[in-house]
N, C-alpha and C. Protein backbone atom coordinates (compact mmCIF):
# COMPACT_ATOMS: atom_id res chain seq x y z
N UNK A 1 100.26 122.06 77.43
CA UNK A 1 101.19 121.97 76.84
C UNK A 1 101.42 122.71 75.96
N UNK A 2 103.02 122.66 75.67
CA UNK A 2 103.33 123.34 74.08
C UNK A 2 103.15 122.58 73.26
N UNK A 3 102.75 123.31 71.84
CA UNK A 3 102.64 122.56 70.42
C UNK A 3 103.97 122.16 69.64
N UNK A 4 105.37 122.49 70.44
CA UNK A 4 106.10 122.46 69.82
C UNK A 4 107.11 121.48 70.72
N UNK A 5 108.63 121.24 70.36
CA UNK A 5 109.66 120.62 71.23
C UNK A 5 110.73 121.33 70.72
N UNK A 6 111.62 120.87 71.23
CA UNK A 6 113.06 121.94 71.23
C UNK A 6 114.00 120.50 70.84
N UNK A 7 115.40 120.80 70.06
CA UNK A 7 116.03 119.78 70.02
C UNK A 7 117.30 120.53 70.10
N UNK A 8 118.00 119.55 71.08
CA UNK A 8 119.42 120.45 71.79
C UNK A 8 119.97 119.54 70.96
N UNK A 9 121.32 119.82 70.50
CA UNK A 9 122.42 119.54 70.00
C UNK A 9 123.67 119.64 70.57
N UNK A 10 124.88 118.28 70.71
CA UNK A 10 125.91 118.27 71.28
C UNK A 10 126.62 117.19 70.87
N UNK A 11 127.81 117.38 70.85
CA UNK A 11 128.94 116.27 70.42
C UNK A 11 129.52 115.61 71.46
N UNK A 12 130.17 114.73 71.75
CA UNK A 12 131.02 114.16 72.63
C UNK A 12 131.76 113.14 72.18
N UNK A 13 132.88 112.55 72.56
CA UNK A 13 134.12 111.85 71.80
C UNK A 13 134.01 110.64 71.56
N UNK A 14 132.99 109.96 71.80
CA UNK A 14 132.72 108.45 71.79
C UNK A 14 131.38 108.02 72.20
N UNK A 15 131.47 106.72 71.64
CA UNK A 15 130.18 106.29 71.87
C UNK A 15 129.77 105.88 73.03
N UNK A 16 130.75 105.45 74.09
CA UNK A 16 130.77 105.16 75.77
C UNK A 16 130.20 106.80 76.34
N UNK A 17 130.64 107.93 75.93
CA UNK A 17 130.05 109.03 76.39
C UNK A 17 129.13 109.59 76.19
N UNK A 18 128.71 109.35 74.63
CA UNK A 18 127.12 108.97 74.38
C UNK A 18 126.17 108.61 75.31
N UNK A 19 126.55 107.24 75.61
CA UNK A 19 125.43 106.18 76.44
C UNK A 19 125.75 107.16 77.37
N UNK A 20 126.50 106.67 78.22
CA UNK A 20 126.06 107.43 79.42
C UNK A 20 125.84 109.21 79.95
N UNK A 21 126.19 110.00 78.79
CA UNK A 21 125.15 111.06 78.74
C UNK A 21 123.45 111.06 78.51
N UNK A 22 123.60 110.43 77.49
CA UNK A 22 121.79 110.19 77.04
C UNK A 22 121.25 109.44 78.54
N UNK A 23 121.93 108.47 78.84
CA UNK A 23 121.34 107.65 79.74
C UNK A 23 120.67 108.70 81.13
N UNK A 24 121.84 109.53 81.37
CA UNK A 24 121.80 110.63 82.22
C UNK A 24 120.42 111.50 82.14
N UNK A 25 120.66 111.79 81.13
CA UNK A 25 118.98 113.14 80.28
C UNK A 25 117.99 111.97 80.74
N UNK A 26 117.94 110.97 80.20
CA UNK A 26 116.70 110.09 80.38
C UNK A 26 116.24 110.07 81.28
N UNK A 27 116.90 109.34 82.35
CA UNK A 27 116.76 109.39 83.93
C UNK A 27 116.41 110.53 84.45
N UNK A 28 117.18 111.63 84.59
CA UNK A 28 116.48 112.72 84.93
C UNK A 28 114.98 113.62 84.53
N UNK A 29 114.40 112.72 83.18
CA UNK A 29 113.55 113.31 82.60
C UNK A 29 113.94 115.05 81.71
N UNK A 30 114.95 115.01 81.38
CA UNK A 30 115.86 116.46 80.70
C UNK A 30 115.71 115.86 79.06
N UNK A 31 115.05 114.45 78.67
CA UNK A 31 114.95 114.13 77.49
C UNK A 31 114.34 113.18 77.34
N UNK A 32 113.47 113.08 75.92
CA UNK A 32 112.33 112.37 76.00
C UNK A 32 113.12 111.13 75.07
N UNK A 33 113.68 111.58 74.51
CA UNK A 33 114.66 110.70 73.15
C UNK A 33 116.09 111.09 72.93
N UNK A 34 116.82 110.81 72.66
CA UNK A 34 118.57 110.58 72.34
C UNK A 34 118.75 110.06 71.36
N UNK A 35 118.94 110.92 70.51
CA UNK A 35 119.35 109.88 69.25
C UNK A 35 120.99 110.15 69.08
N UNK A 36 121.88 108.99 68.71
CA UNK A 36 123.66 109.41 69.01
C UNK A 36 123.93 109.15 67.13
N UNK A 37 124.49 109.75 66.69
CA UNK A 37 125.08 110.02 65.27
C UNK A 37 126.67 109.78 65.01
N UNK A 38 127.33 109.05 64.29
CA UNK A 38 128.62 109.18 64.44
C UNK A 38 128.69 110.26 63.53
N UNK A 39 129.98 110.62 63.80
CA UNK A 39 130.43 112.28 62.69
C UNK A 39 131.80 112.45 62.87
N UNK A 40 132.24 112.89 61.93
CA UNK A 40 133.69 113.47 61.59
C UNK A 40 133.38 115.33 61.75
N UNK A 41 134.41 115.67 62.92
CA UNK A 41 134.30 116.94 63.10
C UNK A 41 135.69 117.50 62.55
N UNK A 42 135.69 118.99 61.34
CA UNK A 42 136.70 119.59 61.69
C UNK A 42 136.32 120.88 62.07
N UNK A 43 137.66 121.62 63.12
CA UNK A 43 137.03 122.66 63.67
C UNK A 43 138.28 124.01 64.31
N UNK A 44 138.61 124.53 64.31
CA UNK A 44 139.47 125.18 64.98
C UNK A 44 139.96 125.20 66.40
N UNK A 45 140.43 125.06 67.11
CA UNK A 45 140.77 125.13 68.49
C UNK A 45 142.11 125.54 68.91
N UNK A 46 142.03 126.50 69.55
CA UNK A 46 143.60 126.64 70.01
C UNK A 46 144.68 127.13 69.00
N UNK A 47 143.83 127.91 68.28
CA UNK A 47 144.53 127.99 66.83
C UNK A 47 144.91 127.08 65.71
N UNK A 48 144.78 125.63 66.20
CA UNK A 48 144.77 124.44 65.35
C UNK A 48 143.49 124.05 64.72
N UNK A 49 143.87 123.52 63.58
CA UNK A 49 142.78 122.93 63.10
C UNK A 49 142.51 121.80 63.06
N UNK A 50 141.49 121.06 63.80
CA UNK A 50 141.71 119.51 64.21
C UNK A 50 140.60 118.79 63.43
N UNK A 51 140.65 117.37 63.40
CA UNK A 51 139.49 116.19 62.83
C UNK A 51 139.67 115.35 63.67
N UNK A 52 138.48 115.28 63.83
CA UNK A 52 138.28 113.98 65.25
C UNK A 52 136.85 113.24 64.94
N UNK A 53 136.49 112.11 65.25
CA UNK A 53 135.45 111.62 65.27
C UNK A 53 134.78 112.09 66.30
N UNK A 54 133.36 112.04 66.46
CA UNK A 54 132.67 112.62 67.47
C UNK A 54 131.50 111.65 67.26
N UNK A 55 130.19 111.97 68.22
CA UNK A 55 129.07 111.33 68.25
C UNK A 55 128.16 112.55 67.86
N UNK A 56 127.66 112.73 67.30
CA UNK A 56 126.38 113.76 67.52
C UNK A 56 124.94 113.48 68.11
N UNK A 57 124.77 113.91 68.95
CA UNK A 57 123.45 113.45 69.93
C UNK A 57 122.37 114.89 69.37
N UNK A 58 121.46 114.63 69.51
CA UNK A 58 119.85 115.14 69.37
C UNK A 58 119.09 114.59 70.41
N UNK A 59 118.84 115.49 71.19
CA UNK A 59 118.42 115.42 72.60
C UNK A 59 116.53 116.21 72.07
N UNK A 60 115.84 115.51 72.60
CA UNK A 60 114.18 116.14 72.14
C UNK A 60 114.26 116.50 73.70
N UNK A 61 113.59 117.73 74.02
CA UNK A 61 113.05 118.25 75.25
C UNK A 61 112.15 118.74 74.89
N UNK A 62 111.27 119.29 75.71
CA UNK A 62 110.22 120.65 75.87
C UNK A 62 110.90 121.73 75.73
N UNK A 63 110.24 122.71 75.59
CA UNK A 63 110.83 124.00 75.44
C UNK A 63 110.97 124.21 77.17
N UNK A 64 109.69 124.26 77.74
CA UNK A 64 110.41 124.71 79.42
C UNK A 64 111.24 123.69 80.05
N UNK A 65 112.05 122.79 79.46
CA UNK A 65 112.86 121.93 79.86
C UNK A 65 114.77 122.63 79.38
N UNK A 66 114.48 123.31 78.56
CA UNK A 66 115.66 123.79 77.75
C UNK A 66 116.86 124.09 78.91
N UNK A 67 116.61 125.00 79.51
CA UNK A 67 117.34 125.56 80.65
C UNK A 67 117.73 124.36 81.07
N UNK A 68 117.56 123.15 81.80
CA UNK A 68 117.32 122.46 82.67
C UNK A 68 118.66 121.60 81.66
N UNK A 69 117.84 121.26 80.64
CA UNK A 69 118.65 120.66 79.77
C UNK A 69 120.21 121.22 79.53
N UNK A 70 120.31 122.11 79.19
CA UNK A 70 121.74 122.39 78.88
C UNK A 70 122.43 122.62 79.95
N UNK A 71 121.82 122.55 81.20
CA UNK A 71 122.58 122.89 82.65
C UNK A 71 123.17 121.38 82.83
N UNK A 72 122.30 120.27 82.64
CA UNK A 72 122.43 118.86 82.85
C UNK A 72 123.72 118.71 81.92
N UNK A 73 123.39 118.88 80.54
CA UNK A 73 124.41 118.61 79.68
C UNK A 73 126.05 119.26 80.06
N UNK A 74 125.88 120.43 79.90
CA UNK A 74 127.23 121.01 81.04
C UNK A 74 127.96 120.68 82.23
N UNK A 75 127.47 119.96 82.89
CA UNK A 75 128.00 119.70 84.26
C UNK A 75 128.24 118.28 83.87
N UNK A 76 127.49 117.20 82.42
CA UNK A 76 128.39 116.42 82.77
C UNK A 76 128.87 115.88 81.53
N UNK A 77 129.53 116.90 80.87
CA UNK A 77 129.86 116.90 79.67
C UNK A 77 131.38 116.93 79.74
N UNK A 78 132.29 116.16 79.04
CA UNK A 78 134.00 116.12 79.34
C UNK A 78 134.36 117.09 78.62
N UNK A 79 134.53 118.01 77.57
CA UNK A 79 134.77 119.12 77.02
C UNK A 79 134.35 119.99 77.65
N UNK A 80 135.93 120.96 77.24
CA UNK A 80 136.16 122.21 78.38
C UNK A 80 134.97 123.18 78.10
N UNK A 81 135.01 123.30 76.60
CA UNK A 81 133.77 124.03 75.81
C UNK A 81 132.66 123.44 74.81
N UNK A 82 131.89 122.60 75.34
CA UNK A 82 130.91 121.93 74.45
C UNK A 82 130.17 122.66 73.71
N UNK A 83 129.84 121.64 72.42
CA UNK A 83 128.99 122.46 71.66
C UNK A 83 127.40 121.86 72.28
N UNK A 84 126.59 123.13 72.62
CA UNK A 84 125.24 122.93 72.83
C UNK A 84 124.43 123.84 72.02
N UNK A 85 123.65 123.66 71.10
CA UNK A 85 123.00 124.28 70.25
C UNK A 85 121.19 123.77 70.70
N UNK A 86 120.67 125.12 70.99
CA UNK A 86 119.02 124.55 70.46
C UNK A 86 118.89 124.74 68.96
N UNK A 87 117.63 123.69 68.90
CA UNK A 87 117.20 124.11 67.47
C UNK A 87 115.40 124.31 68.17
N UNK A 88 114.41 125.28 67.94
CA UNK A 88 113.38 125.00 68.09
C UNK A 88 112.50 124.64 66.97
N UNK A 89 111.86 124.00 67.29
CA UNK A 89 110.88 123.43 65.69
C UNK A 89 109.70 124.28 65.76
N UNK A 90 109.22 124.09 64.79
CA UNK A 90 108.00 124.73 64.02
C UNK A 90 106.44 124.13 64.12
N UNK A 91 106.76 122.54 64.80
CA UNK A 91 105.93 121.67 64.77
C UNK A 91 106.16 120.26 64.62
N UNK A 92 105.00 119.80 64.53
CA UNK A 92 105.33 118.13 63.92
C UNK A 92 103.93 117.06 64.21
N UNK A 93 104.27 116.06 64.36
CA UNK A 93 103.01 114.97 64.96
C UNK A 93 102.63 115.57 66.57
N UNK A 94 101.44 115.71 66.43
CA UNK A 94 100.75 116.28 67.91
C UNK A 94 100.87 115.28 68.73
N UNK A 95 100.95 113.75 68.28
CA UNK A 95 101.24 112.68 69.37
C UNK A 95 102.07 112.84 70.12
N UNK A 96 103.25 112.84 68.76
CA UNK A 96 104.71 112.89 69.46
C UNK A 96 105.18 114.24 70.58
N UNK A 97 104.77 114.99 69.93
CA UNK A 97 105.11 116.46 70.91
C UNK A 97 104.31 116.39 72.15
N UNK A 98 103.52 115.89 72.41
CA UNK A 98 102.37 115.67 73.77
C UNK A 98 103.47 114.95 74.43
N UNK A 99 104.07 113.36 73.54
CA UNK A 99 104.94 112.45 74.42
C UNK A 99 106.11 113.09 74.77
N UNK A 100 107.09 113.73 74.09
CA UNK A 100 107.88 114.53 74.59
C UNK A 100 107.66 115.30 75.64
N UNK A 101 106.60 116.10 75.77
CA UNK A 101 106.23 116.70 76.81
C UNK A 101 105.92 116.08 78.06
N UNK A 102 104.90 114.95 77.77
CA UNK A 102 104.73 113.94 79.47
C UNK A 102 105.88 113.27 79.88
N UNK A 103 106.89 113.14 78.77
CA UNK A 103 108.27 112.09 79.33
C UNK A 103 109.08 113.52 80.24
N UNK A 104 109.54 114.71 79.43
CA UNK A 104 110.27 115.57 80.54
C UNK A 104 109.55 116.32 81.06
N UNK A 105 108.27 116.32 81.63
CA UNK A 105 107.72 117.46 82.56
C UNK A 105 107.56 115.81 83.69
N UNK A 106 107.84 114.52 84.09
CA UNK A 106 107.18 113.86 84.71
C UNK A 106 108.14 113.98 85.85
N UNK A 107 109.80 114.58 85.97
CA UNK A 107 110.45 114.95 87.14
C UNK A 107 109.90 116.02 87.86
N UNK A 108 109.30 116.64 87.43
CA UNK A 108 108.86 118.43 87.77
C UNK A 108 107.41 118.07 88.59
N UNK A 109 106.56 117.04 87.56
CA UNK A 109 105.07 116.43 88.65
C UNK A 109 105.09 115.07 88.27
N UNK A 110 105.63 114.86 89.87
CA UNK A 110 105.64 113.15 89.63
C UNK A 110 104.20 112.62 89.40
N UNK A 111 103.02 113.27 89.32
CA UNK A 111 101.75 112.41 88.76
C UNK A 111 102.05 112.45 87.23
N UNK A 112 102.95 113.15 86.57
CA UNK A 112 103.07 112.84 85.38
C UNK A 112 103.23 111.94 84.42
């Protein structure tokens, strides 16, 4: 098992979208934990500056599950071009890292 985790960042339009996406990622063992934080985003989209409330999602997963997690977010996301950014970690509490690994490997290994 890896000694790090990956954090996948994405944003969604509202709390309902965050709940739906978070539950899907957890149910499919693509995430061990999903945190949802209300934010305000400013960005340029199609030539216009936008300012919108969003929910930032911090998705904790194992490095091995990052590609499947990205694909799961992409398929379920309502945005035309969703933010999906992966942040590797450099370590952390060993027990937490082991828990993330166990939770995200369960689907691939039914005995896990």
